[in-house]
């Protein structure tokens, strides 16, 4: 896969300054920067027949993009509410998922997605021996339950550890590393998840033998 031509970067509004530099670095690759919608999502917005013009515009960006990037600070070990609200309202049933179209048969298959996040804690605390446990474990509901569920090939996350505490030199290094990640989006090996063929189509449990 060559360098993607359409990259959608979804950035929650009104966040701390530690993401501002990464926001600028994301423009290394041309794309659309989306302002998140209001986080509250009425039940009707979960289906594609009940979306507003604003949501339709966001859906069109999502369907056009080659790569989707969520840029955010890790918030209570997950997405900030306003970014989760964007997912709730834009990933509409019937348009983005449904009718047996999920995971490697998902409607967004062929596209790539990456989380780019900042943390308050340092890398060791997010390790197997660390107080918070492995970061990949914390991110699994996003990687697998949102992105892979809808068909994306999920790239390894970019993490700026303890971004508010590393100083100007540390943040400059993160920006350089992030720029390198962005220009290699098309060649980065995705995370590996089992394909649907490994599961029984009735019970959705792993096939034996």
Protein backbone atom coordinates (compact mmCIF):
# COMPACT_ATOMS: atom_id res chain seq x y z
CA UNK A 1 0.00 0.00 0.00
CA UNK A 2 1.41 3.39 -1.01
CA UNK A 3 1.15 6.57 1.05
CA UNK A 4 -2.58 7.14 1.64
CA UNK A 5 -4.09 10.13 -0.12
CA UNK A 6 -6.99 10.68 2.29
CA UNK A 7 -6.34 10.65 6.03
CA UNK A 8 -9.09 11.62 8.45
CA UNK A 9 -7.87 12.84 11.84
CA UNK A 10 -10.51 13.01 14.55
CA UNK A 11 -9.48 15.31 17.40
CA UNK A 12 -11.70 16.08 20.39
CA UNK A 13 -12.07 19.83 20.91
CA UNK A 14 -10.98 21.71 24.00
CA UNK A 15 -8.29 19.29 25.15
CA UNK A 16 -5.08 20.02 27.05
CA UNK A 17 -2.12 21.53 25.21
CA UNK A 18 -0.13 18.29 25.13
CA UNK A 19 -1.95 17.24 21.94
CA UNK A 20 -1.55 20.55 20.10
CA UNK A 21 1.88 19.74 18.63
CA UNK A 22 0.74 16.31 17.49
CA UNK A 23 -2.28 17.94 15.89
CA UNK A 24 0.11 20.10 13.84
CA UNK A 25 2.32 17.14 12.98
CA UNK A 26 -0.69 15.24 11.65
CA UNK A 27 -0.84 17.73 8.80
CA UNK A 28 2.30 16.09 7.38
CA UNK A 29 -0.28 13.99 5.54
CA UNK A 30 -3.11 15.83 3.82
CA UNK A 31 -6.53 15.01 5.17
CA UNK A 32 -9.60 16.17 7.01
CA UNK A 33 -9.51 17.30 10.63
CA UNK A 34 -12.92 16.64 12.18
CA UNK A 35 -14.38 18.53 15.12
CA UNK A 36 -16.22 16.10 17.35
CA UNK A 37 -19.98 16.26 17.65
CA UNK A 38 -21.84 16.65 20.92
CA UNK A 39 -21.14 13.50 22.96
CA UNK A 40 -24.77 12.80 23.81
CA UNK A 41 -26.25 10.41 21.26
CA UNK A 42 -30.02 9.77 21.11
CA UNK A 43 -30.86 6.17 20.27
CA UNK A 44 -32.18 7.24 16.86
CA UNK A 45 -28.73 8.45 15.81
CA UNK A 46 -27.39 4.90 16.00
CA UNK A 47 -29.17 3.96 12.78
CA UNK A 48 -28.31 5.41 9.39
CA UNK A 49 -31.91 6.40 8.55
CA UNK A 50 -31.99 8.93 11.43
CA UNK A 51 -28.83 10.97 10.93
CA UNK A 52 -28.55 14.74 10.70
CA UNK A 53 -26.81 16.67 7.94
CA UNK A 54 -23.78 17.19 10.22
CA UNK A 55 -23.46 13.46 10.86
CA UNK A 56 -23.92 12.73 7.16
CA UNK A 57 -20.98 15.03 6.42
CA UNK A 58 -18.84 13.15 8.96
CA UNK A 59 -19.95 9.81 7.49
CA UNK A 60 -18.90 10.96 4.02
CA UNK A 61 -15.44 11.87 5.34
CA UNK A 62 -15.16 8.49 7.03
CA UNK A 63 -16.15 6.58 3.90
CA UNK A 64 -13.75 8.64 1.75
CA UNK A 65 -10.68 8.25 3.91
CA UNK A 66 -7.92 5.68 3.44
CA UNK A 67 -6.71 6.02 7.02
CA UNK A 68 -8.56 7.10 10.16
CA UNK A 69 -6.54 8.51 13.08
CA UNK A 70 -7.95 9.16 16.53
CA UNK A 71 -5.81 11.81 18.24
CA UNK A 72 -6.53 12.05 21.98
CA UNK A 73 -5.23 11.96 25.54
CA UNK A 74 -5.91 8.67 27.30
CA UNK A 75 -8.87 9.55 29.52
CA UNK A 76 -9.92 7.21 32.34
CA UNK A 77 -8.08 4.45 30.42
CA UNK A 78 -10.23 5.06 27.33
CA UNK A 79 -11.46 7.65 24.82
CA UNK A 80 -12.55 11.10 26.03
CA UNK A 81 -16.36 11.33 26.14
CA UNK A 82 -16.56 13.78 23.26
CA UNK A 83 -14.57 11.44 20.98
CA UNK A 84 -16.63 8.44 22.08
CA UNK A 85 -19.70 10.54 21.24
CA UNK A 86 -18.32 11.05 17.72
CA UNK A 87 -18.01 7.28 17.35
CA UNK A 88 -21.50 6.69 18.74
CA UNK A 89 -23.08 9.10 16.29
CA UNK A 90 -20.98 8.58 13.15
CA UNK A 91 -20.51 4.79 13.23
CA UNK A 92 -24.17 4.32 12.35
CA UNK A 93 -25.80 0.90 12.14
CA UNK A 94 -26.74 0.10 8.56
CA UNK A 95 -24.04 2.32 7.12
CA UNK A 96 -20.93 1.33 9.08
CA UNK A 97 -21.98 -2.07 10.43
CA UNK A 98 -24.86 -4.50 10.42
CA UNK A 99 -26.23 -7.35 8.34
CA UNK A 100 -23.33 -9.64 9.14
CA UNK A 101 -20.76 -7.13 7.88
CA UNK A 102 -18.21 -6.96 10.65
CA UNK A 103 -14.55 -7.66 11.41
CA UNK A 104 -12.71 -8.86 8.28
CA UNK A 105 -16.05 -8.78 6.41
CA UNK A 106 -16.78 -5.27 7.72
CA UNK A 107 -17.91 -2.36 5.62
CA UNK A 108 -14.68 -0.43 6.29
CA UNK A 109 -12.38 -3.27 5.25
CA UNK A 110 -9.44 -2.16 3.15
CA UNK A 111 -9.04 1.00 5.23
CA UNK A 112 -6.50 1.52 8.00
CA UNK A 113 -6.90 3.07 11.44
CA UNK A 114 -4.45 4.20 14.10
CA UNK A 115 -4.72 5.57 17.61
CA UNK A 116 -2.37 8.44 18.40
CA UNK A 117 -2.52 9.19 22.10
CA UNK A 118 -0.83 10.92 24.96
CA UNK A 119 -0.63 9.55 28.49
CA UNK A 120 -0.21 11.13 31.89
CA UNK A 121 1.96 8.28 33.15
CA UNK A 122 5.31 7.00 31.92
CA UNK A 123 5.77 3.88 29.82
CA UNK A 124 6.77 1.47 32.66
CA UNK A 125 3.48 1.98 34.52
CA UNK A 126 1.65 0.71 31.41
CA UNK A 127 3.67 -2.52 31.27
CA UNK A 128 2.95 -6.11 32.32
CA UNK A 129 4.59 -5.39 35.68
CA UNK A 130 3.21 -1.87 35.92
CA UNK A 131 0.37 -0.64 38.08
CA UNK A 132 -1.96 0.00 35.13
CA UNK A 133 -1.13 -3.16 33.18
CA UNK A 134 -0.22 -3.40 29.47
CA UNK A 135 -1.45 -0.52 27.33
CA UNK A 136 -2.50 -2.91 24.57
CA UNK A 137 -4.91 -4.50 27.03
CA UNK A 138 -6.48 -1.12 27.85
CA UNK A 139 -6.79 -0.26 24.16
CA UNK A 140 -8.35 -3.58 23.10
CA UNK A 141 -11.97 -2.34 23.36
CA UNK A 142 -11.07 0.46 20.93
CA UNK A 143 -8.79 -1.52 18.65
CA UNK A 144 -11.02 -4.60 18.46
CA UNK A 145 -14.47 -3.47 19.61
CA UNK A 146 -14.66 -0.32 17.45
CA UNK A 147 -12.05 -0.30 14.70
CA UNK A 148 -11.57 -3.98 13.85
CA UNK A 149 -15.29 -4.63 14.45
CA UNK A 150 -16.11 -2.31 11.56
CA UNK A 151 -13.45 -3.78 9.26
CA UNK A 152 -10.40 -1.54 9.66
CA UNK A 153 -6.89 -2.92 9.53
CA UNK A 154 -5.66 -1.58 12.87
CA UNK A 155 -2.14 -0.21 13.03
CA UNK A 156 -0.01 -0.21 16.20
CA UNK A 157 -0.73 2.93 18.22
CA UNK A 158 1.54 5.93 18.44
CA UNK A 159 2.02 6.82 22.11
CA UNK A 160 3.53 9.99 23.55
CA UNK A 161 4.24 8.81 27.07
CA UNK A 162 3.85 11.36 29.88
CA UNK A 163 3.63 14.09 27.25
CA UNK A 164 3.00 16.92 29.71
CA UNK A 165 6.15 16.11 31.72
CA UNK A 166 8.90 15.34 29.21
CA UNK A 167 9.86 18.94 28.44
CA UNK A 168 10.35 20.70 25.12
CA UNK A 169 13.11 18.37 23.93
CA UNK A 170 11.04 15.29 24.73
CA UNK A 171 8.01 16.66 22.93
CA UNK A 172 10.17 17.56 19.92
CA UNK A 173 11.33 13.94 19.76
CA UNK A 174 7.73 12.76 19.88
CA UNK A 175 6.82 15.08 17.01
CA UNK A 176 9.69 13.74 14.92
CA UNK A 177 8.71 10.15 15.67
CA UNK A 178 5.07 10.91 14.88
CA UNK A 179 5.99 12.43 11.54
CA UNK A 180 7.89 9.24 10.68
CA UNK A 181 4.86 7.15 11.60
CA UNK A 182 2.57 9.25 9.42
CA UNK A 183 4.68 8.89 6.29
CA UNK A 184 4.83 5.10 6.81
CA UNK A 185 1.08 4.58 7.32
CA UNK A 186 0.81 2.59 4.11
CA UNK A 187 3.64 0.18 4.89
CA UNK A 188 3.17 -0.41 8.64
CA UNK A 189 2.17 -3.97 9.52
CA UNK A 190 -1.30 -4.06 11.13
CA UNK A 191 -2.03 -5.72 14.44
CA UNK A 192 -3.03 -9.35 14.07
CA UNK A 193 -6.52 -10.55 14.94
CA UNK A 194 -8.09 -13.91 14.18
CA UNK A 195 -10.25 -13.94 11.03
CA UNK A 196 -13.95 -14.79 11.11
CA UNK A 197 -13.14 -18.13 9.47
CA UNK A 198 -11.61 -19.25 12.77
CA UNK A 199 -15.03 -19.04 14.47
CA UNK A 200 -18.16 -21.16 14.19
CA UNK A 201 -20.76 -19.07 12.25
CA UNK A 202 -23.55 -20.09 14.65
CA UNK A 203 -21.95 -19.99 18.11
CA UNK A 204 -19.13 -17.54 17.25
CA UNK A 205 -16.73 -19.62 19.32
CA UNK A 206 -13.31 -20.80 18.13
CA UNK A 207 -13.45 -23.84 15.88
CA UNK A 208 -11.91 -26.97 17.40
CA UNK A 209 -9.18 -28.84 15.58
